[in-house]
Amino acid sequence: MSDNAAATPELPDHLSIDPRSPHHRPEFLEREIGVRFNGRDRFDVEEYCVSEGWIRVAAGKTMDRKGRPLLIKLKGTVEVFYR
């Protein structure tokens, strides 16, 4: 187990799953990442920032005019980890 922990890089402070974002880092997205927001595990996070304490999640089924999900920013305590 220590070999696996040594092989995985530390997660960045700011990460997005959107390929158009400047914070998109595909090398970190190869493994499943967990996000704990205010003590609860979240599975719908599109983007996060640990130092600023926010996550972006889809606002229901609402879409913008280009057909992408409309995102809202939630502020609180953010913890990230590999699953």
N, C-alpha and C. Protein backbone atom coordinates (compact mmCIF):
# COMPACT_ATOMS: atom_id res chain seq x y z
N MET A 1 0.82 -1.18 0.00
CA MET A 1 0.00 0.00 0.00
C MET A 1 0.87 1.25 0.00
N SER A 2 2.03 1.19 0.62
CA SER A 2 2.91 2.36 0.63
C SER A 2 3.47 2.64 -0.76
N ASP A 3 3.64 1.60 -1.59
CA ASP A 3 4.10 1.80 -2.96
C ASP A 3 3.06 2.58 -3.76
N ASN A 4 1.78 2.27 -3.56
CA ASN A 4 0.69 2.95 -4.26
C ASN A 4 0.62 4.41 -3.81
N ALA A 5 0.80 4.66 -2.51
CA ALA A 5 0.74 6.03 -2.01
C ALA A 5 1.92 6.85 -2.53
N ALA A 6 3.08 6.22 -2.69
CA ALA A 6 4.25 6.93 -3.19
C ALA A 6 4.13 7.23 -4.68
N ALA A 7 3.39 6.39 -5.42
CA ALA A 7 3.26 6.56 -6.86
C ALA A 7 2.23 7.62 -7.23
N THR A 8 1.29 7.94 -6.35
CA THR A 8 0.26 8.92 -6.67
C THR A 8 0.71 10.31 -6.27
N PRO A 9 0.60 11.27 -7.17
CA PRO A 9 0.99 12.65 -6.84
C PRO A 9 -0.04 13.30 -5.91
N GLU A 10 0.40 14.30 -5.18
CA GLU A 10 -0.51 15.03 -4.31
C GLU A 10 -1.51 15.81 -5.15
N LEU A 11 -2.75 15.85 -4.73
CA LEU A 11 -3.79 16.53 -5.49
C LEU A 11 -3.57 18.05 -5.48
N PRO A 12 -3.88 18.71 -6.60
CA PRO A 12 -3.68 20.16 -6.67
C PRO A 12 -4.71 20.92 -5.83
N ASP A 13 -4.43 22.18 -5.56
CA ASP A 13 -5.33 23.04 -4.80
C ASP A 13 -6.59 23.36 -5.59
N HIS A 14 -6.48 23.47 -6.90
CA HIS A 14 -7.60 23.87 -7.76
C HIS A 14 -7.65 22.90 -8.95
N LEU A 15 -8.80 22.25 -9.16
CA LEU A 15 -8.92 21.26 -10.23
C LEU A 15 -10.31 21.32 -10.84
N SER A 16 -10.38 21.15 -12.16
CA SER A 16 -11.65 21.15 -12.88
C SER A 16 -11.71 19.94 -13.80
N ILE A 17 -12.92 19.39 -14.01
CA ILE A 17 -13.08 18.27 -14.93
C ILE A 17 -13.38 18.75 -16.35
N ASP A 18 -13.62 20.05 -16.52
CA ASP A 18 -13.93 20.61 -17.83
C ASP A 18 -12.64 20.81 -18.64
N PRO A 19 -12.50 20.16 -19.82
CA PRO A 19 -11.27 20.28 -20.60
C PRO A 19 -10.97 21.70 -21.09
N ARG A 20 -11.96 22.58 -21.14
CA ARG A 20 -11.74 23.96 -21.59
C ARG A 20 -11.17 24.85 -20.48
N SER A 21 -11.20 24.39 -19.26
CA SER A 21 -10.75 25.18 -18.12
C SER A 21 -9.22 25.20 -18.04
N PRO A 22 -8.64 26.32 -17.61
CA PRO A 22 -7.18 26.34 -17.41
C PRO A 22 -6.74 25.50 -16.21
N HIS A 23 -7.68 25.08 -15.37
CA HIS A 23 -7.37 24.27 -14.20
C HIS A 23 -7.63 22.78 -14.44
N HIS A 24 -7.86 22.41 -15.69
CA HIS A 24 -8.06 21.00 -16.05
C HIS A 24 -6.70 20.31 -16.12
N ARG A 25 -6.53 19.24 -15.33
CA ARG A 25 -5.27 18.50 -15.29
C ARG A 25 -5.61 17.01 -15.47
N PRO A 26 -5.57 16.48 -16.69
CA PRO A 26 -6.00 15.10 -16.93
C PRO A 26 -5.18 14.05 -16.21
N GLU A 27 -3.92 14.34 -15.87
CA GLU A 27 -3.11 13.34 -15.19
C GLU A 27 -3.65 13.03 -13.79
N PHE A 28 -4.35 13.97 -13.17
CA PHE A 28 -4.96 13.72 -11.86
C PHE A 28 -6.30 13.03 -11.99
N LEU A 29 -6.96 13.20 -13.12
CA LEU A 29 -8.30 12.64 -13.30
C LEU A 29 -8.28 11.18 -13.75
N GLU A 30 -7.09 10.60 -13.93
CA GLU A 30 -7.00 9.19 -14.30
C GLU A 30 -7.49 8.30 -13.17
N ARG A 31 -7.30 8.74 -11.93
CA ARG A 31 -7.81 8.02 -10.77
C ARG A 31 -9.04 8.74 -10.24
N GLU A 32 -9.90 8.01 -9.55
CA GLU A 32 -11.11 8.62 -9.00
C GLU A 32 -10.75 9.49 -7.80
N ILE A 33 -11.28 10.70 -7.79
CA ILE A 33 -11.01 11.67 -6.73
C ILE A 33 -12.27 11.87 -5.91
N GLY A 34 -12.11 11.88 -4.60
CA GLY A 34 -13.22 12.13 -3.70
C GLY A 34 -13.17 13.56 -3.19
N VAL A 35 -14.35 14.15 -3.03
CA VAL A 35 -14.44 15.51 -2.49
C VAL A 35 -15.40 15.47 -1.31
N ARG A 36 -14.90 15.92 -0.16
CA ARG A 36 -15.74 16.03 1.04
C ARG A 36 -15.98 17.50 1.27
N PHE A 37 -17.26 17.90 1.22
CA PHE A 37 -17.65 19.30 1.36
C PHE A 37 -18.49 19.45 2.62
N ASN A 38 -18.00 20.24 3.57
CA ASN A 38 -18.68 20.44 4.85
C ASN A 38 -19.00 19.12 5.54
N GLY A 39 -18.06 18.17 5.46
CA GLY A 39 -18.22 16.90 6.16
C GLY A 39 -19.00 15.83 5.42
N ARG A 40 -19.51 16.12 4.22
CA ARG A 40 -20.28 15.15 3.44
C ARG A 40 -19.58 14.88 2.12
N ASP A 41 -19.54 13.61 1.71
CA ASP A 41 -18.95 13.25 0.42
C ASP A 41 -19.88 13.73 -0.69
N ARG A 42 -19.29 14.39 -1.70
CA ARG A 42 -20.05 14.88 -2.85
C ARG A 42 -19.57 14.15 -4.10
N PHE A 43 -20.49 13.75 -4.95
CA PHE A 43 -20.17 13.03 -6.16
C PHE A 43 -20.49 13.83 -7.42
N ASP A 44 -20.97 15.07 -7.26
CA ASP A 44 -21.40 15.90 -8.40
C ASP A 44 -20.53 17.14 -8.60
N VAL A 45 -19.31 17.13 -8.10
CA VAL A 45 -18.43 18.31 -8.15
C VAL A 45 -17.79 18.43 -9.53
N GLU A 46 -17.92 19.59 -10.15
CA GLU A 46 -17.31 19.87 -11.44
C GLU A 46 -15.93 20.53 -11.28
N GLU A 47 -15.78 21.34 -10.23
CA GLU A 47 -14.54 22.07 -9.99
C GLU A 47 -14.44 22.36 -8.50
N TYR A 48 -13.21 22.43 -7.98
CA TYR A 48 -13.03 22.76 -6.58
C TYR A 48 -11.79 23.61 -6.38
N CYS A 49 -11.75 24.31 -5.24
CA CYS A 49 -10.56 25.05 -4.81
C CYS A 49 -10.48 24.90 -3.29
N VAL A 50 -9.45 24.23 -2.81
CA VAL A 50 -9.31 23.94 -1.39
C VAL A 50 -8.95 25.21 -0.62
N SER A 51 -7.99 25.99 -1.11
CA SER A 51 -7.51 27.17 -0.36
C SER A 51 -8.59 28.24 -0.23
N GLU A 52 -9.43 28.42 -1.24
CA GLU A 52 -10.49 29.42 -1.18
C GLU A 52 -11.77 28.85 -0.58
N GLY A 53 -11.88 27.52 -0.48
CA GLY A 53 -13.02 26.88 0.18
C GLY A 53 -14.31 26.92 -0.61
N TRP A 54 -14.28 26.49 -1.87
CA TRP A 54 -15.50 26.43 -2.67
C TRP A 54 -15.48 25.27 -3.64
N ILE A 55 -16.69 24.88 -4.07
CA ILE A 55 -16.86 23.88 -5.13
C ILE A 55 -17.89 24.43 -6.11
N ARG A 56 -17.84 23.92 -7.33
CA ARG A 56 -18.86 24.25 -8.33
C ARG A 56 -19.60 22.97 -8.69
N VAL A 57 -20.93 23.05 -8.64
CA VAL A 57 -21.79 21.90 -8.95
C VAL A 57 -22.87 22.35 -9.93
N ALA A 58 -23.43 21.39 -10.65
CA ALA A 58 -24.50 21.69 -11.60
C ALA A 58 -25.76 22.11 -10.83
N ALA A 59 -26.46 23.08 -11.38
CA ALA A 59 -27.69 23.58 -10.76
C ALA A 59 -28.89 22.81 -11.32
N GLY A 60 -29.05 21.59 -10.85
CA GLY A 60 -30.15 20.75 -11.34
C GLY A 60 -29.97 20.37 -12.79
N LYS A 61 -31.03 20.46 -13.57
CA LYS A 61 -30.96 20.12 -14.99
C LYS A 61 -30.86 21.37 -15.87
N THR A 62 -30.62 22.52 -15.27
CA THR A 62 -30.54 23.79 -15.99
C THR A 62 -29.31 23.81 -16.89
N MET A 63 -29.51 24.24 -18.14
CA MET A 63 -28.43 24.34 -19.11
C MET A 63 -28.25 25.79 -19.54
N ASP A 64 -27.01 26.15 -19.91
CA ASP A 64 -26.80 27.47 -20.47
C ASP A 64 -27.14 27.42 -21.96
N ARG A 65 -26.97 28.52 -22.65
CA ARG A 65 -27.39 28.58 -24.05
C ARG A 65 -26.52 27.76 -24.98
N LYS A 66 -25.37 27.29 -24.50
CA LYS A 66 -24.50 26.44 -25.31
C LYS A 66 -24.70 24.96 -24.99
N GLY A 67 -25.65 24.64 -24.12
CA GLY A 67 -25.96 23.26 -23.81
C GLY A 67 -25.13 22.64 -22.71
N ARG A 68 -24.36 23.43 -22.00
CA ARG A 68 -23.56 22.93 -20.88
C ARG A 68 -24.34 23.16 -19.58
N PRO A 69 -24.10 22.34 -18.57
CA PRO A 69 -24.82 22.54 -17.30
C PRO A 69 -24.46 23.88 -16.67
N LEU A 70 -25.46 24.53 -16.10
CA LEU A 70 -25.25 25.78 -15.38
C LEU A 70 -24.68 25.44 -14.01
N LEU A 71 -23.57 26.07 -13.64
CA LEU A 71 -22.88 25.74 -12.40
C LEU A 71 -23.10 26.81 -11.35
N ILE A 72 -23.20 26.36 -10.09
CA ILE A 72 -23.29 27.29 -8.97
C ILE A 72 -22.10 27.04 -8.05
N LYS A 73 -21.67 28.08 -7.35
CA LYS A 73 -20.54 27.99 -6.44
C LYS A 73 -21.06 27.89 -5.01
N LEU A 74 -20.59 26.86 -4.30
CA LEU A 74 -20.94 26.67 -2.89
C LEU A 74 -19.68 26.87 -2.07
N LYS A 75 -19.78 27.63 -0.98
CA LYS A 75 -18.62 27.91 -0.13
C LYS A 75 -18.71 27.12 1.16
N GLY A 76 -17.55 26.62 1.60
CA GLY A 76 -17.48 25.85 2.83
C GLY A 76 -16.12 25.19 2.95
N THR A 77 -16.04 24.14 3.77
CA THR A 77 -14.80 23.41 3.98
C THR A 77 -14.67 22.33 2.93
N VAL A 78 -13.53 22.31 2.21
CA VAL A 78 -13.31 21.37 1.11
C VAL A 78 -12.12 20.49 1.46
N GLU A 79 -12.30 19.17 1.36
CA GLU A 79 -11.23 18.20 1.51
C GLU A 79 -11.23 17.30 0.28
N VAL A 80 -10.07 17.03 -0.30
CA VAL A 80 -9.98 16.17 -1.47
C VAL A 80 -9.06 15.00 -1.17
N PHE A 81 -9.34 13.86 -1.80
CA PHE A 81 -8.57 12.64 -1.57
C PHE A 81 -8.78 11.70 -2.74
N TYR A 82 -7.88 10.74 -2.88
CA TYR A 82 -8.06 9.67 -3.86
C TYR A 82 -8.95 8.60 -3.25
N ARG A 83 -9.87 8.08 -4.03
CA ARG A 83 -10.75 6.99 -3.55
C ARG A 83 -10.03 5.67 -3.69
